[in-house]
Amino acid sequence: MISPETTIDCSEFKLDAKKVRKFFSRAKVADQRAAHYTLASSLCRTSGTLTFISGKKAQWIIGHLMDGWLVIEDNDGLFLYCPTCNFEPFIY
């Protein structure tokens, strides 16, 4: 677990469109409550918007510890975790 004294340089956590697509192709919906007790929270995050082929829009957030959120137009958010996202810039 990261101590309060620990500082993290988030300037290196950048995802291009290819890495965002790779994250979403590998990520699985996870139970947020269980993740809260078993996974560390990402301190570095990036976010954006995507549009599905159907025209629906979604807001996303992806964290440096391979976690994220996806909120599709007026629906509850989905907590995501990607244990196979062992590529830069993720910390694994």
PDB file of N, CA and C in Angstrom:
ATOM      1  N   MET A   1       0.855  -1.179   0.000  1.00  0.00           N
ATOM      2  CA  MET A   1       0.000   0.000   0.000  1.00  0.00           C
ATOM      3  C   MET A   1       0.898   1.237   0.000  1.00  0.00           C
ATOM      4  N   ILE A   2       0.446   2.277  -0.656  1.00  0.00           N
ATOM      5  CA  ILE A   2       1.216   3.510  -0.773  1.00  0.00           C
ATOM      6  C   ILE A   2       0.999   4.347   0.477  1.00  0.00           C
ATOM      7  N   SER A   3       2.103   4.796   1.065  1.00  0.00           N
ATOM      8  CA  SER A   3       2.003   5.602   2.273  1.00  0.00           C
ATOM      9  C   SER A   3       1.696   7.055   1.905  1.00  0.00           C
ATOM     10  N   PRO A   4       1.182   7.829   2.863  1.00  0.00           N
ATOM     11  CA  PRO A   4       0.863   9.232   2.589  1.00  0.00           C
ATOM     12  C   PRO A   4       2.088  10.056   2.197  1.00  0.00           C
ATOM     13  N   GLU A   5       3.266   9.608   2.604  1.00  0.00           N
ATOM     14  CA  GLU A   5       4.486  10.345   2.284  1.00  0.00           C
ATOM     15  C   GLU A   5       4.969  10.090   0.862  1.00  0.00           C
ATOM     16  N   THR A   6       4.450   9.045   0.228  1.00  0.00           N
ATOM     17  CA  THR A   6       4.878   8.680  -1.111  1.00  0.00           C
ATOM     18  C   THR A   6       4.335   9.677  -2.126  1.00  0.00           C
ATOM     19  N   THR A   7       5.209  10.101  -3.019  1.00  0.00           N
ATOM     20  CA  THR A   7       4.761  10.951  -4.111  1.00  0.00           C
ATOM     21  C   THR A   7       4.942  10.188  -5.415  1.00  0.00           C
ATOM     22  N   ILE A   8       4.046  10.395  -6.314  1.00  0.00           N
ATOM     23  CA  ILE A   8       4.087   9.726  -7.595  1.00  0.00           C
ATOM     24  C   ILE A   8       4.065  10.785  -8.679  1.00  0.00           C
ATOM     25  N   ASP A   9       4.938  10.621  -9.663  1.00  0.00           N
ATOM     26  CA  ASP A   9       4.984  11.533 -10.795  1.00  0.00           C
ATOM     27  C   ASP A   9       3.996  11.027 -11.847  1.00  0.00           C
ATOM     28  N   CYS A  10       2.872  11.685 -11.948  1.00  0.00           N
ATOM     29  CA  CYS A  10       1.831  11.260 -12.883  1.00  0.00           C
ATOM     30  C   CYS A  10       2.067  11.783 -14.303  1.00  0.00           C
ATOM     31  N   SER A  11       3.087  12.587 -14.495  1.00  0.00           N
ATOM     32  CA  SER A  11       3.327  13.157 -15.825  1.00  0.00           C
ATOM     33  C   SER A  11       3.676  12.090 -16.854  1.00  0.00           C
ATOM     34  N   GLU A  12       4.147  10.940 -16.399  1.00  0.00           N
ATOM     35  CA  GLU A  12       4.506   9.855 -17.316  1.00  0.00           C
ATOM     36  C   GLU A  12       3.321   8.963 -17.683  1.00  0.00           C
ATOM     37  N   PHE A  13       2.191   9.133 -17.005  1.00  0.00           N
ATOM     38  CA  PHE A  13       1.035   8.294 -17.286  1.00  0.00           C
ATOM     39  C   PHE A  13       0.195   8.938 -18.381  1.00  0.00           C
ATOM     40  N   LYS A  14       0.483   8.526 -19.610  1.00  0.00           N
ATOM     41  CA  LYS A  14      -0.229   9.046 -20.775  1.00  0.00           C
ATOM     42  C   LYS A  14      -0.644   7.876 -21.638  1.00  0.00           C
ATOM     43  N   LEU A  15      -1.885   7.905 -22.070  1.00  0.00           N
ATOM     44  CA  LEU A  15      -2.411   6.858 -22.938  1.00  0.00           C
ATOM     45  C   LEU A  15      -2.816   7.462 -24.274  1.00  0.00           C
ATOM     46  N   ASP A  16      -2.295   6.888 -25.356  1.00  0.00           N
ATOM     47  CA  ASP A  16      -2.770   7.305 -26.668  1.00  0.00           C
ATOM     48  C   ASP A  16      -4.007   6.472 -27.012  1.00  0.00           C
ATOM     49  N   ALA A  17      -4.643   6.773 -28.130  1.00  0.00           N
ATOM     50  CA  ALA A  17      -5.883   6.081 -28.508  1.00  0.00           C
ATOM     51  C   ALA A  17      -5.673   4.573 -28.623  1.00  0.00           C
ATOM     52  N   LYS A  18      -4.529   4.153 -29.122  1.00  0.00           N
ATOM     53  CA  LYS A  18      -4.249   2.718 -29.274  1.00  0.00           C
ATOM     54  C   LYS A  18      -4.222   2.018 -27.909  1.00  0.00           C
ATOM     55  N   LYS A  19      -3.603   2.642 -26.925  1.00  0.00           N
ATOM     56  CA  LYS A  19      -3.521   2.032 -25.585  1.00  0.00           C
ATOM     57  C   LYS A  19      -4.864   2.067 -24.869  1.00  0.00           C
ATOM     58  N   VAL A  20      -5.672   3.095 -25.113  1.00  0.00           N
ATOM     59  CA  VAL A  20      -7.016   3.143 -24.532  1.00  0.00           C
ATOM     60  C   VAL A  20      -7.845   1.995 -25.100  1.00  0.00           C
ATOM     61  N   ARG A  21      -7.792   1.809 -26.421  1.00  0.00           N
ATOM     62  CA  ARG A  21      -8.524   0.691 -27.040  1.00  0.00           C
ATOM     63  C   ARG A  21      -8.027  -0.643 -26.501  1.00  0.00           C
ATOM     64  N   LYS A  22      -6.725  -0.780 -26.319  1.00  0.00           N
ATOM     65  CA  LYS A  22      -6.145  -2.018 -25.790  1.00  0.00           C
ATOM     66  C   LYS A  22      -6.646  -2.274 -24.370  1.00  0.00           C
ATOM     67  N   PHE A  23      -6.691  -1.224 -23.543  1.00  0.00           N
ATOM     68  CA  PHE A  23      -7.213  -1.368 -22.186  1.00  0.00           C
ATOM     69  C   PHE A  23      -8.650  -1.883 -22.234  1.00  0.00           C
ATOM     70  N   PHE A  24      -9.506  -1.225 -23.021  1.00  0.00           N
ATOM     71  CA  PHE A  24     -10.912  -1.619 -23.060  1.00  0.00           C
ATOM     72  C   PHE A  24     -11.123  -2.992 -23.684  1.00  0.00           C
ATOM     73  N   SER A  25     -10.254  -3.414 -24.572  1.00  0.00           N
ATOM     74  CA  SER A  25     -10.412  -4.744 -25.165  1.00  0.00           C
ATOM     75  C   SER A  25     -10.047  -5.846 -24.174  1.00  0.00           C
ATOM     76  N   ARG A  26      -9.242  -5.510 -23.171  1.00  0.00           N
ATOM     77  CA  ARG A  26      -8.798  -6.499 -22.184  1.00  0.00           C
ATOM     78  C   ARG A  26      -9.496  -6.388 -20.836  1.00  0.00           C
ATOM     79  N   ALA A  27     -10.002  -5.219 -20.500  1.00  0.00           N
ATOM     80  CA  ALA A  27     -10.574  -4.980 -19.166  1.00  0.00           C
ATOM     81  C   ALA A  27     -11.849  -5.789 -18.958  1.00  0.00           C
ATOM     82  N   LYS A  28     -12.069  -6.139 -17.716  1.00  0.00           N
ATOM     83  CA  LYS A  28     -13.262  -6.879 -17.301  1.00  0.00           C
ATOM     84  C   LYS A  28     -14.027  -6.043 -16.287  1.00  0.00           C
ATOM     85  N   VAL A  29     -15.343  -6.188 -16.282  1.00  0.00           N
ATOM     86  CA  VAL A  29     -16.156  -5.529 -15.260  1.00  0.00           C
ATOM     87  C   VAL A  29     -15.848  -6.222 -13.932  1.00  0.00           C
ATOM     88  N   ALA A  30     -15.601  -5.420 -12.923  1.00  0.00           N
ATOM     89  CA  ALA A  30     -15.245  -5.952 -11.606  1.00  0.00           C
ATOM     90  C   ALA A  30     -16.175  -5.366 -10.554  1.00  0.00           C
ATOM     91  N   ASP A  31     -16.255  -6.040  -9.438  1.00  0.00           N
ATOM     92  CA  ASP A  31     -17.056  -5.568  -8.313  1.00  0.00           C
ATOM     93  C   ASP A  31     -16.281  -4.469  -7.600  1.00  0.00           C
ATOM     94  N   GLN A  32     -16.831  -3.275  -7.597  1.00  0.00           N
ATOM     95  CA  GLN A  32     -16.130  -2.135  -7.001  1.00  0.00           C
ATOM     96  C   GLN A  32     -15.867  -2.341  -5.521  1.00  0.00           C
ATOM     97  N   ARG A  33     -16.806  -2.888  -4.803  1.00  0.00           N
ATOM     98  CA  ARG A  33     -16.641  -3.088  -3.358  1.00  0.00           C
ATOM     99  C   ARG A  33     -15.501  -4.060  -3.081  1.00  0.00           C
ATOM    100  N   ALA A  34     -15.461  -5.170  -3.806  1.00  0.00           N
ATOM    101  CA  ALA A  34     -14.386  -6.148  -3.624  1.00  0.00           C
ATOM    102  C   ALA A  34     -13.049  -5.527  -4.015  1.00  0.00           C
ATOM    103  N   ALA A  35     -13.037  -4.757  -5.093  1.00  0.00           N
ATOM    104  CA  ALA A  35     -11.798  -4.117  -5.531  1.00  0.00           C
ATOM    105  C   ALA A  35     -11.283  -3.141  -4.486  1.00  0.00           C
ATOM    106  N   HIS A  36     -12.189  -2.449  -3.825  1.00  0.00           N
ATOM    107  CA  HIS A  36     -11.803  -1.493  -2.782  1.00  0.00           C
ATOM    108  C   HIS A  36     -10.966  -2.176  -1.693  1.00  0.00           C
ATOM    109  N   TYR A  37     -11.303  -3.408  -1.390  1.00  0.00           N
ATOM    110  CA  TYR A  37     -10.599  -4.134  -0.329  1.00  0.00           C
ATOM    111  C   TYR A  37      -9.387  -4.919  -0.828  1.00  0.00           C
ATOM    112  N   THR A  38      -9.264  -5.102  -2.138  1.00  0.00           N
ATOM    113  CA  THR A  38      -8.167  -5.938  -2.639  1.00  0.00           C
ATOM    114  C   THR A  38      -7.180  -5.213  -3.549  1.00  0.00           C
ATOM    115  N   LEU A  39      -7.561  -4.090  -4.098  1.00  0.00           N
ATOM    116  CA  LEU A  39      -6.691  -3.370  -5.029  1.00  0.00           C
ATOM    117  C   LEU A  39      -6.332  -2.000  -4.475  1.00  0.00           C
ATOM    118  N   ALA A  40      -5.136  -1.550  -4.770  1.00  0.00           N
ATOM    119  CA  ALA A  40      -4.750  -0.186  -4.420  1.00  0.00           C
ATOM    120  C   ALA A  40      -5.457   0.774  -5.385  1.00  0.00           C
ATOM    121  N   SER A  41      -5.730   1.978  -4.932  1.00  0.00           N
ATOM    122  CA  SER A  41      -6.375   2.978  -5.782  1.00  0.00           C
ATOM    123  C   SER A  41      -5.331   3.708  -6.604  1.00  0.00           C
ATOM    124  N   SER A  42      -5.638   3.902  -7.860  1.00  0.00           N
ATOM    125  CA  SER A  42      -4.727   4.636  -8.740  1.00  0.00           C
ATOM    126  C   SER A  42      -4.687   6.101  -8.357  1.00  0.00           C
ATOM    127  N   LEU A  43      -3.495   6.629  -8.237  1.00  0.00           N
ATOM    128  CA  LEU A  43      -3.328   8.053  -7.961  1.00  0.00           C
ATOM    129  C   LEU A  43      -3.216   8.854  -9.256  1.00  0.00           C
ATOM    130  N   CYS A  44      -2.799   8.183 -10.330  1.00  0.00           N
ATOM    131  CA  CYS A  44      -2.667   8.833 -11.631  1.00  0.00           C
ATOM    132  C   CYS A  44      -3.793   8.330 -12.522  1.00  0.00           C
ATOM    133  N   ARG A  45      -4.475   9.270 -13.150  1.00  0.00           N
ATOM    134  CA  ARG A  45      -5.608   8.901 -14.000  1.00  0.00           C
ATOM    135  C   ARG A  45      -5.628   9.774 -15.243  1.00  0.00           C
ATOM    136  N   THR A  46      -6.246   9.245 -16.262  1.00  0.00           N
ATOM    137  CA  THR A  46      -6.518  10.018 -17.466  1.00  0.00           C
ATOM    138  C   THR A  46      -7.965   9.734 -17.852  1.00  0.00           C
ATOM    139  N   SER A  47      -8.572  10.618 -18.606  1.00  0.00           N
ATOM    140  CA  SER A  47      -9.989  10.448 -18.919  1.00  0.00           C
ATOM    141  C   SER A  47     -10.291  10.950 -20.318  1.00  0.00           C
ATOM    142  N   GLY A  48     -11.467  10.582 -20.776  1.00  0.00           N
ATOM    143  CA  GLY A  48     -11.884  11.023 -22.094  1.00  0.00           C
ATOM    144  C   GLY A  48     -13.307  10.623 -22.389  1.00  0.00           C
ATOM    145  N   THR A  49     -13.682  10.799 -23.639  1.00  0.00           N
ATOM    146  CA  THR A  49     -15.014  10.475 -24.117  1.00  0.00           C
ATOM    147  C   THR A  49     -14.861   9.562 -25.321  1.00  0.00           C
ATOM    148  N   LEU A  50     -15.780   8.617 -25.440  1.00  0.00           N
ATOM    149  CA  LEU A  50     -15.785   7.781 -26.637  1.00  0.00           C
ATOM    150  C   LEU A  50     -17.195   7.713 -27.181  1.00  0.00           C
ATOM    151  N   THR A  51     -17.288   7.414 -28.467  1.00  0.00           N
ATOM    152  CA  THR A  51     -18.577   7.286 -29.123  1.00  0.00           C
ATOM    153  C   THR A  51     -18.661   5.891 -29.731  1.00  0.00           C
ATOM    154  N   PHE A  52     -19.726   5.180 -29.398  1.00  0.00           N
ATOM    155  CA  PHE A  52     -19.958   3.856 -29.950  1.00  0.00           C
ATOM    156  C   PHE A  52     -20.519   3.974 -31.363  1.00  0.00           C
ATOM    157  N   ILE A  53     -20.466   2.902 -32.121  1.00  0.00           N
ATOM    158  CA  ILE A  53     -21.001   2.883 -33.476  1.00  0.00           C
ATOM    159  C   ILE A  53     -22.477   3.286 -33.475  1.00  0.00           C
ATOM    160  N   SER A  54     -23.193   2.921 -32.412  1.00  0.00           N
ATOM    161  CA  SER A  54     -24.629   3.249 -32.305  1.00  0.00           C
ATOM    162  C   SER A  54     -24.878   4.743 -32.109  1.00  0.00           C
ATOM    163  N   GLY A  55     -23.820   5.491 -31.802  1.00  0.00           N
ATOM    164  CA  GLY A  55     -23.957   6.924 -31.547  1.00  0.00           C
ATOM    165  C   GLY A  55     -23.979   7.273 -30.066  1.00  0.00           C
ATOM    166  N   LYS A  56     -24.139   6.277 -29.199  1.00  0.00           N
ATOM    167  CA  LYS A  56     -24.103   6.541 -27.758  1.00  0.00           C
ATOM    168  C   LYS A  56     -22.709   7.001 -27.355  1.00  0.00           C
ATOM    169  N   LYS A  57     -22.684   7.893 -26.393  1.00  0.00           N
ATOM    170  CA  LYS A  57     -21.413   8.407 -25.882  1.00  0.00           C
ATOM    171  C   LYS A  57     -21.156   7.865 -24.489  1.00  0.00           C
ATOM    172  N   ALA A  58     -19.887   7.795 -24.141  1.00  0.00           N
ATOM    173  CA  ALA A  58     -19.495   7.326 -22.815  1.00  0.00           C
ATOM    174  C   ALA A  58     -18.314   8.152 -22.321  1.00  0.00           C
ATOM    175  N   GLN A  59     -18.267   8.338 -21.023  1.00  0.00           N
ATOM    176  CA  GLN A  59     -17.130   8.972 -20.365  1.00  0.00           C
ATOM    177  C   GLN A  59     -16.297   7.856 -19.755  1.00  0.00           C
ATOM    178  N   TRP A  60     -14.980   7.967 -19.830  1.00  0.00           N
ATOM    179  CA  TRP A  60     -14.122   6.950 -19.240  1.00  0.00           C
ATOM    180  C   TRP A  60     -13.024   7.591 -18.421  1.00  0.00           C
ATOM    181  N   ILE A  61     -12.559   6.806 -17.457  1.00  0.00           N
ATOM    182  CA  ILE A  61     -11.398   7.158 -16.632  1.00  0.00           C
ATOM    183  C   ILE A  61     -10.558   5.891 -16.535  1.00  0.00           C
ATOM    184  N   ILE A  62      -9.259   6.029 -16.741  1.00  0.00           N
ATOM    185  CA  ILE A  62      -8.349   4.894 -16.611  1.00  0.00           C
ATOM    186  C   ILE A  62      -7.225   5.306 -15.672  1.00  0.00           C
ATOM    187  N   GLY A  63      -6.922   4.437 -14.700  1.00  0.00           N
ATOM    188  CA  GLY A  63      -5.874   4.703 -13.725  1.00  0.00           C
ATOM    189  C   GLY A  63      -4.609   3.902 -13.993  1.00  0.00           C
ATOM    190  N   HIS A  64      -3.513   4.368 -13.431  1.00  0.00           N
ATOM    191  CA  HIS A  64      -2.206   3.747 -13.690  1.00  0.00           C
ATOM    192  C   HIS A  64      -2.050   2.348 -13.095  1.00  0.00           C
ATOM    193  N   LEU A  65      -2.961   1.955 -12.213  1.00  0.00           N
ATOM    194  CA  LEU A  65      -2.889   0.615 -11.620  1.00  0.00           C
ATOM    195  C   LEU A  65      -3.871  -0.344 -12.293  1.00  0.00           C
ATOM    196  N   MET A  66      -4.165  -0.080 -13.570  1.00  0.00           N
ATOM    197  CA  MET A  66      -4.957  -0.960 -14.432  1.00  0.00           C
ATOM    198  C   MET A  66      -6.439  -1.015 -14.063  1.00  0.00           C
ATOM    199  N   ASP A  67      -6.943   0.077 -13.489  1.00  0.00           N
ATOM    200  CA  ASP A  67      -8.359   0.141 -13.146  1.00  0.00           C
ATOM    201  C   ASP A  67      -9.013   1.269 -13.918  1.00  0.00           C
ATOM    202  N   GLY A  68     -10.336   1.284 -13.944  1.00  0.00           N
ATOM    203  CA  GLY A  68     -11.012   2.341 -14.670  1.00  0.00           C
ATOM    204  C   GLY A  68     -12.507   2.338 -14.449  1.00  0.00           C
ATOM    205  N   TRP A  69     -13.135   3.323 -15.063  1.00  0.00           N
ATOM    206  CA  TRP A  69     -14.586   3.494 -15.019  1.00  0.00           C
ATOM    207  C   TRP A  69     -15.082   3.757 -16.424  1.00  0.00           C
ATOM    208  N   LEU A  70     -16.265   3.288 -16.716  1.00  0.00           N
ATOM    209  CA  LEU A  70     -16.928   3.584 -17.973  1.00  0.00           C
ATOM    210  C   LEU A  70     -18.376   3.927 -17.646  1.00  0.00           C
ATOM    211  N   VAL A  71     -18.806   5.113 -18.041  1.00  0.00           N
ATOM    212  CA  VAL A  71     -20.184   5.548 -17.797  1.00  0.00           C
ATOM    213  C   VAL A  71     -20.800   5.850 -19.154  1.00  0.00           C
ATOM    214  N   ILE A  72     -21.763   5.025 -19.548  1.00  0.00           N
ATOM    215  CA  ILE A  72     -22.432   5.173 -20.834  1.00  0.00           C
ATOM    216  C   ILE A  72     -23.732   5.939 -20.615  1.00  0.00           C
ATOM    217  N   GLU A  73     -23.882   7.047 -21.326  1.00  0.00           N
ATOM    218  CA  GLU A  73     -25.078   7.894 -21.288  1.00  0.00           C
ATOM    219  C   GLU A  73     -26.151   7.488 -20.285  1.00  0.00           C
ATOM    220  N   ASP A  74     -26.261   8.212 -19.224  1.00  0.00           N
ATOM    221  CA  ASP A  74     -27.350   8.044 -18.250  1.00  0.00           C
ATOM    222  C   ASP A  74     -27.435   6.667 -17.599  1.00  0.00           C
ATOM    223  N   ASN A  75     -26.427   5.853 -17.688  1.00  0.00           N
ATOM    224  CA  ASN A  75     -26.418   4.553 -17.017  1.00  0.00           C
ATOM    225  C   ASN A  75     -25.453   4.606 -15.844  1.00  0.00           C
ATOM    226  N   ASP A  76     -25.589   3.651 -14.950  1.00  0.00           N
ATOM    227  CA  ASP A  76     -24.633   3.548 -13.854  1.00  0.00           C
ATOM    228  C   ASP A  76     -23.266   3.235 -14.423  1.00  0.00           C
ATOM    229  N   GLY A  77     -22.244   3.647 -13.724  1.00  0.00           N
ATOM    230  CA  GLY A  77     -20.889   3.386 -14.171  1.00  0.00           C
ATOM    231  C   GLY A  77     -20.479   1.944 -13.953  1.00  0.00           C
ATOM    232  N   LEU A  78     -19.568   1.488 -14.788  1.00  0.00           N
ATOM    233  CA  LEU A  78     -18.988   0.154 -14.651  1.00  0.00           C
ATOM    234  C   LEU A  78     -17.559   0.303 -14.160  1.00  0.00           C
ATOM    235  N   PHE A  79     -17.227  -0.386 -13.081  1.00  0.00           N
ATOM    236  CA  PHE A  79     -15.852  -0.406 -12.600  1.00  0.00           C
ATOM    237  C   PHE A  79     -15.118  -1.478 -13.396  1.00  0.00           C
ATOM    238  N   LEU A  80     -13.960  -1.148 -13.920  1.00  0.00           N
ATOM    239  CA  LEU A  80     -13.192  -2.066 -14.752  1.00  0.00           C
ATOM    240  C   LEU A  80     -11.829  -2.345 -14.143  1.00  0.00           C
ATOM    241  N   TYR A  81     -11.338  -3.538 -14.380  1.00  0.00           N
ATOM    242  CA  TYR A  81      -9.988  -3.901 -13.954  1.00  0.00           C
ATOM    243  C   TYR A  81      -9.372  -4.720 -15.073  1.00  0.00           C
ATOM    244  N   CYS A  82      -8.096  -4.493 -15.330  1.00  0.00           N
ATOM    245  CA  CYS A  82      -7.415  -5.152 -16.438  1.00  0.00           C
ATOM    246  C   CYS A  82      -6.116  -5.806 -15.966  1.00  0.00           C
ATOM    247  N   PRO A  83      -6.199  -6.997 -15.381  1.00  0.00           N
ATOM    248  CA  PRO A  83      -4.988  -7.645 -14.891  1.00  0.00           C
ATOM    249  C   PRO A  83      -4.011  -8.051 -15.999  1.00  0.00           C
ATOM    250  N   THR A  84      -4.454  -8.052 -17.249  1.00  0.00           N
ATOM    251  CA  THR A  84      -3.552  -8.393 -18.361  1.00  0.00           C
ATOM    252  C   THR A  84      -3.006  -7.155 -19.069  1.00  0.00           C
ATOM    253  N   CYS A  85      -3.221  -5.986 -18.500  1.00  0.00           N
ATOM    254  CA  CYS A  85      -2.685  -4.749 -19.082  1.00  0.00           C
ATOM    255  C   CYS A  85      -1.266  -4.504 -18.573  1.00  0.00           C
ATOM    256  N   ASN A  86      -0.411  -5.465 -18.804  1.00  0.00           N
ATOM    257  CA  ASN A  86       0.974  -5.365 -18.334  1.00  0.00           C
ATOM    258  C   ASN A  86       1.851  -4.749 -19.425  1.00  0.00           C
ATOM    259  N   PHE A  87       1.466  -3.544 -19.831  1.00  0.00           N
ATOM    260  CA  PHE A  87       2.243  -2.791 -20.802  1.00  0.00           C
ATOM    261  C   PHE A  87       2.352  -1.353 -20.309  1.00  0.00           C
ATOM    262  N   GLU A  88       3.366  -0.651 -20.782  1.00  0.00           N
ATOM    263  CA  GLU A  88       3.558   0.742 -20.349  1.00  0.00           C
ATOM    264  C   GLU A  88       2.396   1.584 -20.830  1.00  0.00           C
ATOM    265  N   PRO A  89       1.963   2.528 -20.061  1.00  0.00           N
ATOM    266  CA  PRO A  89       2.549   3.111 -18.870  1.00  0.00           C
ATOM    267  C   PRO A  89       1.972   2.563 -17.574  1.00  0.00           C
ATOM    268  N   PHE A  90       1.255   1.430 -17.633  1.00  0.00           N
ATOM    269  CA  PHE A  90       0.662   0.889 -16.414  1.00  0.00           C
ATOM    270  C   PHE A  90       1.723   0.360 -15.464  1.00  0.00           C
ATOM    271  N   ILE A  91       1.448   0.463 -14.173  1.00  0.00           N
ATOM    272  CA  ILE A  91       2.307  -0.113 -13.148  1.00  0.00           C
ATOM    273  C   ILE A  91       1.691  -1.458 -12.779  1.00  0.00           C
ATOM    274  N   TYR A  92       2.444  -2.513 -12.947  1.00  0.00           N
ATOM    275  CA  TYR A  92       1.932  -3.852 -12.689  1.00  0.00           C
ATOM    276  C   TYR A  92       2.906  -4.656 -11.861  1.00  0.00           C
TER     277      TYR A  92
END
